[in-house]
Amino acid sequence: MRTCPKCNTRVVLHMAEALEDEEEVMKALSRRLMEIPPDASDLMLDEAREIIRQLSNLNLRWNIAALDDFIGERQRELRVGLRKN
């Protein structure tokens, strides 16, 4: 169940709706990750790590090979992993 954002009534959330939202979230996160330059500040690199973590978790459900490739490429370009050194 979830609350309708327009009328605040409790409604059943259909999986298709949730997946549509997830797809948009993945697109937005991917765009933000692309915007972070390799010479970014430590704060931005921390943000990149968090985005990579979120995208990796979302892709466990979707299993999109191109997204895995993109994540790996950005990790190499930014020289970041999921753990801080």
PDB file of N, CA and C in Angstrom:
ATOM      1  N   MET A   1       0.832  -1.181   0.000  1.00  0.00           N
ATOM      2  CA  MET A   1       0.000   0.000   0.000  1.00  0.00           C
ATOM      3  C   MET A   1       0.880   1.249   0.000  1.00  0.00           C
ATOM      4  N   ARG A   2       0.368   2.268  -0.616  1.00  0.00           N
ATOM      5  CA  ARG A   2       1.036   3.562  -0.590  1.00  0.00           C
ATOM      6  C   ARG A   2      -0.018   4.660  -0.583  1.00  0.00           C
ATOM      7  N   THR A   3       0.427   5.859  -0.324  1.00  0.00           N
ATOM      8  CA  THR A   3      -0.477   6.999  -0.286  1.00  0.00           C
ATOM      9  C   THR A   3      -0.424   7.718  -1.626  1.00  0.00           C
ATOM     10  N   CYS A   4      -1.597   7.991  -2.167  1.00  0.00           N
ATOM     11  CA  CYS A   4      -1.691   8.733  -3.425  1.00  0.00           C
ATOM     12  C   CYS A   4      -1.180  10.150  -3.189  1.00  0.00           C
ATOM     13  N   PRO A   5      -0.242  10.637  -4.031  1.00  0.00           N
ATOM     14  CA  PRO A   5       0.289  11.986  -3.832  1.00  0.00           C
ATOM     15  C   PRO A   5      -0.727  13.094  -4.096  1.00  0.00           C
ATOM     16  N   LYS A   6      -1.802  12.791  -4.813  1.00  0.00           N
ATOM     17  CA  LYS A   6      -2.799  13.816  -5.135  1.00  0.00           C
ATOM     18  C   LYS A   6      -3.912  13.908  -4.097  1.00  0.00           C
ATOM     19  N   CYS A   7      -4.460  12.752  -3.703  1.00  0.00           N
ATOM     20  CA  CYS A   7      -5.626  12.792  -2.814  1.00  0.00           C
ATOM     21  C   CYS A   7      -5.353  12.220  -1.422  1.00  0.00           C
ATOM     22  N   ASN A   8      -4.152  11.718  -1.192  1.00  0.00           N
ATOM     23  CA  ASN A   8      -3.728  11.168   0.100  1.00  0.00           C
ATOM     24  C   ASN A   8      -4.512   9.944   0.553  1.00  0.00           C
ATOM     25  N   THR A   9      -5.178   9.236  -0.365  1.00  0.00           N
ATOM     26  CA  THR A   9      -5.847   7.992   0.015  1.00  0.00           C
ATOM     27  C   THR A   9      -4.865   6.841  -0.120  1.00  0.00           C
ATOM     28  N   ARG A  10      -5.103   5.777   0.643  1.00  0.00           N
ATOM     29  CA  ARG A  10      -4.249   4.601   0.587  1.00  0.00           C
ATOM     30  C   ARG A  10      -4.645   3.769  -0.632  1.00  0.00           C
ATOM     31  N   VAL A  11      -3.680   3.430  -1.462  1.00  0.00           N
ATOM     32  CA  VAL A  11      -3.938   2.653  -2.671  1.00  0.00           C
ATOM     33  C   VAL A  11      -2.914   1.530  -2.775  1.00  0.00           C
ATOM     34  N   VAL A  12      -3.241   0.542  -3.565  1.00  0.00           N
ATOM     35  CA  VAL A  12      -2.333  -0.571  -3.797  1.00  0.00           C
ATOM     36  C   VAL A  12      -1.288  -0.131  -4.823  1.00  0.00           C
ATOM     37  N   LEU A  13      -0.038  -0.401  -4.517  1.00  0.00           N
ATOM     38  CA  LEU A  13       1.042  -0.085  -5.451  1.00  0.00           C
ATOM     39  C   LEU A  13       1.256  -1.294  -6.351  1.00  0.00           C
ATOM     40  N   HIS A  14       1.111  -1.093  -7.622  1.00  0.00           N
ATOM     41  CA  HIS A  14       1.354  -2.165  -8.580  1.00  0.00           C
ATOM     42  C   HIS A  14       2.841  -2.218  -8.903  1.00  0.00           C
ATOM     43  N   MET A  15       3.362  -3.404  -9.051  1.00  0.00           N
ATOM     44  CA  MET A  15       4.785  -3.583  -9.318  1.00  0.00           C
ATOM     45  C   MET A  15       5.206  -2.834 -10.583  1.00  0.00           C
ATOM     46  N   ALA A  16       4.359  -2.796 -11.590  1.00  0.00           N
ATOM     47  CA  ALA A  16       4.711  -2.091 -12.829  1.00  0.00           C
ATOM     48  C   ALA A  16       4.980  -0.615 -12.559  1.00  0.00           C
ATOM     49  N   GLU A  17       4.193  -0.008 -11.686  1.00  0.00           N
ATOM     50  CA  GLU A  17       4.410   1.397 -11.340  1.00  0.00           C
ATOM     51  C   GLU A  17       5.740   1.579 -10.631  1.00  0.00           C
ATOM     52  N   ALA A  18       6.034   0.677  -9.714  1.00  0.00           N
ATOM     53  CA  ALA A  18       7.288   0.762  -8.969  1.00  0.00           C
ATOM     54  C   ALA A  18       8.475   0.606  -9.905  1.00  0.00           C
ATOM     55  N   LEU A  19       8.368  -0.290 -10.861  1.00  0.00           N
ATOM     56  CA  LEU A  19       9.468  -0.514 -11.796  1.00  0.00           C
ATOM     57  C   LEU A  19       9.658   0.683 -12.725  1.00  0.00           C
ATOM     58  N   GLU A  20       8.564   1.330 -13.113  1.00  0.00           N
ATOM     59  CA  GLU A  20       8.680   2.535 -13.929  1.00  0.00           C
ATOM     60  C   GLU A  20       9.444   3.611 -13.167  1.00  0.00           C
ATOM     61  N   ASP A  21       9.115   3.771 -11.900  1.00  0.00           N
ATOM     62  CA  ASP A  21       9.812   4.752 -11.076  1.00  0.00           C
ATOM     63  C   ASP A  21      11.290   4.401 -10.954  1.00  0.00           C
ATOM     64  N   GLU A  22      11.584   3.124 -10.776  1.00  0.00           N
ATOM     65  CA  GLU A  22      12.961   2.679 -10.643  1.00  0.00           C
ATOM     66  C   GLU A  22      13.768   2.982 -11.907  1.00  0.00           C
ATOM     67  N   GLU A  23      13.151   2.782 -13.050  1.00  0.00           N
ATOM     68  CA  GLU A  23      13.826   3.050 -14.317  1.00  0.00           C
ATOM     69  C   GLU A  23      14.202   4.530 -14.418  1.00  0.00           C
ATOM     70  N   GLU A  24      13.283   5.400 -14.021  1.00  0.00           N
ATOM     71  CA  GLU A  24      13.566   6.839 -14.050  1.00  0.00           C
ATOM     72  C   GLU A  24      14.659   7.209 -13.051  1.00  0.00           C
ATOM     73  N   VAL A  25      14.650   6.576 -11.892  1.00  0.00           N
ATOM     74  CA  VAL A  25      15.682   6.817 -10.886  1.00  0.00           C
ATOM     75  C   VAL A  25      17.049   6.409 -11.440  1.00  0.00           C
ATOM     76  N   MET A  26      17.112   5.252 -12.094  1.00  0.00           N
ATOM     77  CA  MET A  26      18.384   4.789 -12.660  1.00  0.00           C
ATOM     78  C   MET A  26      18.892   5.758 -13.730  1.00  0.00           C
ATOM     79  N   LYS A  27      17.999   6.267 -14.546  1.00  0.00           N
ATOM     80  CA  LYS A  27      18.397   7.228 -15.574  1.00  0.00           C
ATOM     81  C   LYS A  27      18.949   8.503 -14.940  1.00  0.00           C
ATOM     82  N   ALA A  28      18.256   9.009 -13.927  1.00  0.00           N
ATOM     83  CA  ALA A  28      18.694  10.241 -13.263  1.00  0.00           C
ATOM     84  C   ALA A  28      20.042  10.033 -12.571  1.00  0.00           C
ATOM     85  N   LEU A  29      20.206   8.901 -11.885  1.00  0.00           N
ATOM     86  CA  LEU A  29      21.480   8.620 -11.219  1.00  0.00           C
ATOM     87  C   LEU A  29      22.612   8.486 -12.241  1.00  0.00           C
ATOM     88  N   SER A  30      22.331   7.842 -13.340  1.00  0.00           N
ATOM     89  CA  SER A  30      23.348   7.680 -14.389  1.00  0.00           C
ATOM     90  C   SER A  30      23.766   9.027 -14.970  1.00  0.00           C
ATOM     91  N   ARG A  31      22.784   9.892 -15.190  1.00  0.00           N
ATOM     92  CA  ARG A  31      23.106  11.231 -15.708  1.00  0.00           C
ATOM     93  C   ARG A  31      23.972  11.999 -14.712  1.00  0.00           C
ATOM     94  N   ARG A  32      23.611  11.922 -13.435  1.00  0.00           N
ATOM     95  CA  ARG A  32      24.392  12.625 -12.402  1.00  0.00           C
ATOM     96  C   ARG A  32      25.805  12.063 -12.320  1.00  0.00           C
ATOM     97  N   LEU A  33      25.943  10.757 -12.413  1.00  0.00           N
ATOM     98  CA  LEU A  33      27.267  10.138 -12.366  1.00  0.00           C
ATOM     99  C   LEU A  33      28.115  10.582 -13.556  1.00  0.00           C
ATOM    100  N   MET A  34      27.496  10.753 -14.719  1.00  0.00           N
ATOM    101  CA  MET A  34      28.229  11.221 -15.904  1.00  0.00           C
ATOM    102  C   MET A  34      28.739  12.645 -15.714  1.00  0.00           C
ATOM    103  N   GLU A  35      28.033  13.449 -14.935  1.00  0.00           N
ATOM    104  CA  GLU A  35      28.401  14.855 -14.737  1.00  0.00           C
ATOM    105  C   GLU A  35      29.616  15.033 -13.828  1.00  0.00           C
ATOM    106  N   ILE A  36      29.977  14.020 -13.072  1.00  0.00           N
ATOM    107  CA  ILE A  36      31.084  14.149 -12.122  1.00  0.00           C
ATOM    108  C   ILE A  36      32.406  13.952 -12.863  1.00  0.00           C
ATOM    109  N   PRO A  37      33.269  14.977 -12.877  1.00  0.00           N
ATOM    110  CA  PRO A  37      34.524  14.891 -13.615  1.00  0.00           C
ATOM    111  C   PRO A  37      35.577  14.076 -12.857  1.00  0.00           C
ATOM    112  N   PRO A  38      36.549  13.521 -13.576  1.00  0.00           N
ATOM    113  CA  PRO A  38      37.604  12.739 -12.928  1.00  0.00           C
ATOM    114  C   PRO A  38      38.418  13.529 -11.898  1.00  0.00           C
ATOM    115  N   ASP A  39      38.519  14.843 -12.074  1.00  0.00           N
ATOM    116  CA  ASP A  39      39.299  15.661 -11.146  1.00  0.00           C
ATOM    117  C   ASP A  39      38.410  16.309 -10.075  1.00  0.00           C
ATOM    118  N   ALA A  40      37.303  15.647  -9.752  1.00  0.00           N
ATOM    119  CA  ALA A  40      36.330  16.184  -8.798  1.00  0.00           C
ATOM    120  C   ALA A  40      36.894  16.201  -7.380  1.00  0.00           C
ATOM    121  N   SER A  41      36.268  17.014  -6.547  1.00  0.00           N
ATOM    122  CA  SER A  41      36.650  17.100  -5.135  1.00  0.00           C
ATOM    123  C   SER A  41      36.307  15.787  -4.429  1.00  0.00           C
ATOM    124  N   ASP A  42      36.860  15.612  -3.240  1.00  0.00           N
ATOM    125  CA  ASP A  42      36.580  14.409  -2.457  1.00  0.00           C
ATOM    126  C   ASP A  42      35.090  14.276  -2.155  1.00  0.00           C
ATOM    127  N   LEU A  43      34.432  15.393  -1.927  1.00  0.00           N
ATOM    128  CA  LEU A  43      33.000  15.379  -1.640  1.00  0.00           C
ATOM    129  C   LEU A  43      32.216  14.832  -2.841  1.00  0.00           C
ATOM    130  N   MET A  44      32.574  15.279  -4.033  1.00  0.00           N
ATOM    131  CA  MET A  44      31.895  14.796  -5.238  1.00  0.00           C
ATOM    132  C   MET A  44      32.223  13.328  -5.497  1.00  0.00           C
ATOM    133  N   LEU A  45      33.460  12.923  -5.179  1.00  0.00           N
ATOM    134  CA  LEU A  45      33.821  11.517  -5.356  1.00  0.00           C
ATOM    135  C   LEU A  45      33.058  10.628  -4.372  1.00  0.00           C
ATOM    136  N   ASP A  46      32.800  11.152  -3.183  1.00  0.00           N
ATOM    137  CA  ASP A  46      31.949  10.426  -2.234  1.00  0.00           C
ATOM    138  C   ASP A  46      30.540  10.275  -2.802  1.00  0.00           C
ATOM    139  N   GLU A  47      30.057  11.329  -3.427  1.00  0.00           N
ATOM    140  CA  GLU A  47      28.741  11.272  -4.067  1.00  0.00           C
ATOM    141  C   GLU A  47      28.742  10.227  -5.179  1.00  0.00           C
ATOM    142  N   ALA A  48      29.832  10.193  -5.957  1.00  0.00           N
ATOM    143  CA  ALA A  48      29.944   9.207  -7.025  1.00  0.00           C
ATOM    144  C   ALA A  48      29.902   7.790  -6.463  1.00  0.00           C
ATOM    145  N   ARG A  49      30.606   7.559  -5.364  1.00  0.00           N
ATOM    146  CA  ARG A  49      30.576   6.234  -4.722  1.00  0.00           C
ATOM    147  C   ARG A  49      29.158   5.844  -4.316  1.00  0.00           C
ATOM    148  N   GLU A  50      28.436   6.801  -3.746  1.00  0.00           N
ATOM    149  CA  GLU A  50      27.064   6.538  -3.320  1.00  0.00           C
ATOM    150  C   GLU A  50      26.174   6.244  -4.525  1.00  0.00           C
ATOM    151  N   ILE A  51      26.332   6.994  -5.589  1.00  0.00           N
ATOM    152  CA  ILE A  51      25.543   6.758  -6.803  1.00  0.00           C
ATOM    153  C   ILE A  51      25.866   5.379  -7.371  1.00  0.00           C
ATOM    154  N   ILE A  52      27.137   5.032  -7.405  1.00  0.00           N
ATOM    155  CA  ILE A  52      27.547   3.719  -7.909  1.00  0.00           C
ATOM    156  C   ILE A  52      26.930   2.619  -7.058  1.00  0.00           C
ATOM    157  N   ARG A  53      26.925   2.802  -5.747  1.00  0.00           N
ATOM    158  CA  ARG A  53      26.326   1.806  -4.856  1.00  0.00           C
ATOM    159  C   ARG A  53      24.835   1.652  -5.156  1.00  0.00           C
ATOM    160  N   GLN A  54      24.147   2.788  -5.314  1.00  0.00           N
ATOM    161  CA  GLN A  54      22.704   2.745  -5.586  1.00  0.00           C
ATOM    162  C   GLN A  54      22.416   2.091  -6.929  1.00  0.00           C
ATOM    163  N   LEU A  55      23.170   2.487  -7.963  1.00  0.00           N
ATOM    164  CA  LEU A  55      22.957   1.900  -9.287  1.00  0.00           C
ATOM    165  C   LEU A  55      23.236   0.404  -9.278  1.00  0.00           C
ATOM    166  N   SER A  56      24.290  -0.001  -8.592  1.00  0.00           N
ATOM    167  CA  SER A  56      24.619  -1.426  -8.515  1.00  0.00           C
ATOM    168  C   SER A  56      23.494  -2.203  -7.840  1.00  0.00           C
ATOM    169  N   ASN A  57      22.961  -1.657  -6.761  1.00  0.00           N
ATOM    170  CA  ASN A  57      21.855  -2.319  -6.059  1.00  0.00           C
ATOM    171  C   ASN A  57      20.602  -2.406  -6.930  1.00  0.00           C
ATOM    172  N   LEU A  58      20.283  -1.321  -7.626  1.00  0.00           N
ATOM    173  CA  LEU A  58      19.112  -1.342  -8.502  1.00  0.00           C
ATOM    174  C   LEU A  58      19.298  -2.340  -9.640  1.00  0.00           C
ATOM    175  N   ASN A  59      20.514  -2.430 -10.134  1.00  0.00           N
ATOM    176  CA  ASN A  59      20.763  -3.315 -11.273  1.00  0.00           C
ATOM    177  C   ASN A  59      20.763  -4.790 -10.874  1.00  0.00           C
ATOM    178  N   LEU A  60      20.767  -5.083  -9.588  1.00  0.00           N
ATOM    179  CA  LEU A  60      20.616  -6.476  -9.167  1.00  0.00           C
ATOM    180  C   LEU A  60      19.262  -7.019  -9.620  1.00  0.00           C
ATOM    181  N   ARG A  61      18.232  -6.150  -9.638  1.00  0.00           N
ATOM    182  CA  ARG A  61      16.906  -6.559 -10.092  1.00  0.00           C
ATOM    183  C   ARG A  61      16.824  -6.540 -11.622  1.00  0.00           C
ATOM    184  N   TRP A  62      17.385  -5.520 -12.244  1.00  0.00           N
ATOM    185  CA  TRP A  62      17.225  -5.323 -13.681  1.00  0.00           C
ATOM    186  C   TRP A  62      18.220  -6.138 -14.506  1.00  0.00           C
ATOM    187  N   ASN A  63      19.420  -6.325 -13.987  1.00  0.00           N
ATOM    188  CA  ASN A  63      20.458  -7.097 -14.672  1.00  0.00           C
ATOM    189  C   ASN A  63      20.715  -6.574 -16.093  1.00  0.00           C
ATOM    190  N   ILE A  64      21.028  -5.289 -16.192  1.00  0.00           N
ATOM    191  CA  ILE A  64      21.305  -4.652 -17.478  1.00  0.00           C
ATOM    192  C   ILE A  64      22.816  -4.644 -17.683  1.00  0.00           C
ATOM    193  N   ALA A  65      23.280  -5.400 -18.673  1.00  0.00           N
ATOM    194  CA  ALA A  65      24.717  -5.533 -18.912  1.00  0.00           C
ATOM    195  C   ALA A  65      25.352  -4.177 -19.233  1.00  0.00           C
ATOM    196  N   ALA A  66      24.668  -3.349 -20.014  1.00  0.00           N
ATOM    197  CA  ALA A  66      25.218  -2.040 -20.377  1.00  0.00           C
ATOM    198  C   ALA A  66      25.379  -1.149 -19.142  1.00  0.00           C
ATOM    199  N   LEU A  67      24.486  -1.264 -18.188  1.00  0.00           N
ATOM    200  CA  LEU A  67      24.595  -0.480 -16.959  1.00  0.00           C
ATOM    201  C   LEU A  67      25.784  -0.963 -16.134  1.00  0.00           C
ATOM    202  N   ASP A  68      25.979  -2.271 -16.071  1.00  0.00           N
ATOM    203  CA  ASP A  68      27.165  -2.806 -15.388  1.00  0.00           C
ATOM    204  C   ASP A  68      28.441  -2.277 -16.032  1.00  0.00           C
ATOM    205  N   ASP A  69      28.468  -2.265 -17.364  1.00  0.00           N
ATOM    206  CA  ASP A  69      29.634  -1.752 -18.093  1.00  0.00           C
ATOM    207  C   ASP A  69      29.853  -0.275 -17.782  1.00  0.00           C
ATOM    208  N   PHE A  70      28.770   0.499 -17.782  1.00  0.00           N
ATOM    209  CA  PHE A  70      28.850   1.929 -17.491  1.00  0.00           C
ATOM    210  C   PHE A  70      29.391   2.179 -16.091  1.00  0.00           C
ATOM    211  N   ILE A  71      28.881   1.429 -15.117  1.00  0.00           N
ATOM    212  CA  ILE A  71      29.334   1.585 -13.731  1.00  0.00           C
ATOM    213  C   ILE A  71      30.827   1.288 -13.631  1.00  0.00           C
ATOM    214  N   GLY A  72      31.263   0.192 -14.240  1.00  0.00           N
ATOM    215  CA  GLY A  72      32.679  -0.168 -14.214  1.00  0.00           C
ATOM    216  C   GLY A  72      33.557   0.872 -14.879  1.00  0.00           C
ATOM    217  N   GLU A  73      33.089   1.403 -16.006  1.00  0.00           N
ATOM    218  CA  GLU A  73      33.839   2.435 -16.729  1.00  0.00           C
ATOM    219  C   GLU A  73      33.993   3.697 -15.888  1.00  0.00           C
ATOM    220  N   ARG A  74      32.885   4.132 -15.263  1.00  0.00           N
ATOM    221  CA  ARG A  74      32.947   5.346 -14.431  1.00  0.00           C
ATOM    222  C   ARG A  74      33.821   5.126 -13.198  1.00  0.00           C
ATOM    223  N   GLN A  75      33.794   3.914 -12.626  1.00  0.00           N
ATOM    224  CA  GLN A  75      34.662   3.629 -11.482  1.00  0.00           C
ATOM    225  C   GLN A  75      36.129   3.778 -11.885  1.00  0.00           C
ATOM    226  N   ARG A  76      36.468   3.261 -13.058  1.00  0.00           N
ATOM    227  CA  ARG A  76      37.859   3.378 -13.534  1.00  0.00           C
ATOM    228  C   ARG A  76      38.224   4.835 -13.828  1.00  0.00           C
ATOM    229  N   GLU A  77      37.322   5.551 -14.506  1.00  0.00           N
ATOM    230  CA  GLU A  77      37.599   6.951 -14.854  1.00  0.00           C
ATOM    231  C   GLU A  77      37.759   7.831 -13.620  1.00  0.00           C
ATOM    232  N   LEU A  78      36.905   7.599 -12.630  1.00  0.00           N
ATOM    233  CA  LEU A  78      36.932   8.420 -11.418  1.00  0.00           C
ATOM    234  C   LEU A  78      37.897   7.866 -10.371  1.00  0.00           C
ATOM    235  N   ARG A  79      38.384   6.673 -10.632  1.00  0.00           N
ATOM    236  CA  ARG A  79      39.274   5.974  -9.694  1.00  0.00           C
ATOM    237  C   ARG A  79      38.624   5.838  -8.323  1.00  0.00           C
ATOM    238  N   VAL A  80      37.377   5.381  -8.337  1.00  0.00           N
ATOM    239  CA  VAL A  80      36.650   5.141  -7.090  1.00  0.00           C
ATOM    240  C   VAL A  80      36.092   3.729  -7.102  1.00  0.00           C
ATOM    241  N   GLY A  81      35.959   3.192  -5.933  1.00  0.00           N
ATOM    242  CA  GLY A  81      35.296   1.918  -5.758  1.00  0.00           C
ATOM    243  C   GLY A  81      34.139   2.121  -4.818  1.00  0.00           C
ATOM    244  N   LEU A  82      33.636   1.054  -4.299  1.00  0.00           N
ATOM    245  CA  LEU A  82      32.547   1.175  -3.351  1.00  0.00           C
ATOM    246  C   LEU A  82      33.070   1.442  -1.952  1.00  0.00           C
ATOM    247  N   ARG A  83      34.352   1.248  -1.744  1.00  0.00           N
ATOM    248  CA  ARG A  83      34.955   1.515  -0.436  1.00  0.00           C
ATOM    249  C   ARG A  83      35.905   2.688  -0.534  1.00  0.00           C
ATOM    250  N   LYS A  84      35.977   3.451   0.562  1.00  0.00           N
ATOM    251  CA  LYS A  84      36.957   4.536   0.628  1.00  0.00           C
ATOM    252  C   LYS A  84      38.331   3.935   0.894  1.00  0.00           C
ATOM    253  N   ASN A  85      39.350   4.507   0.321  1.00  0.00           N
ATOM    254  CA  ASN A  85      40.721   4.030   0.583  1.00  0.00           C
ATOM    255  C   ASN A  85      41.299   4.701   1.785  1.00  0.00           C
TER     256      ASN A  85
END
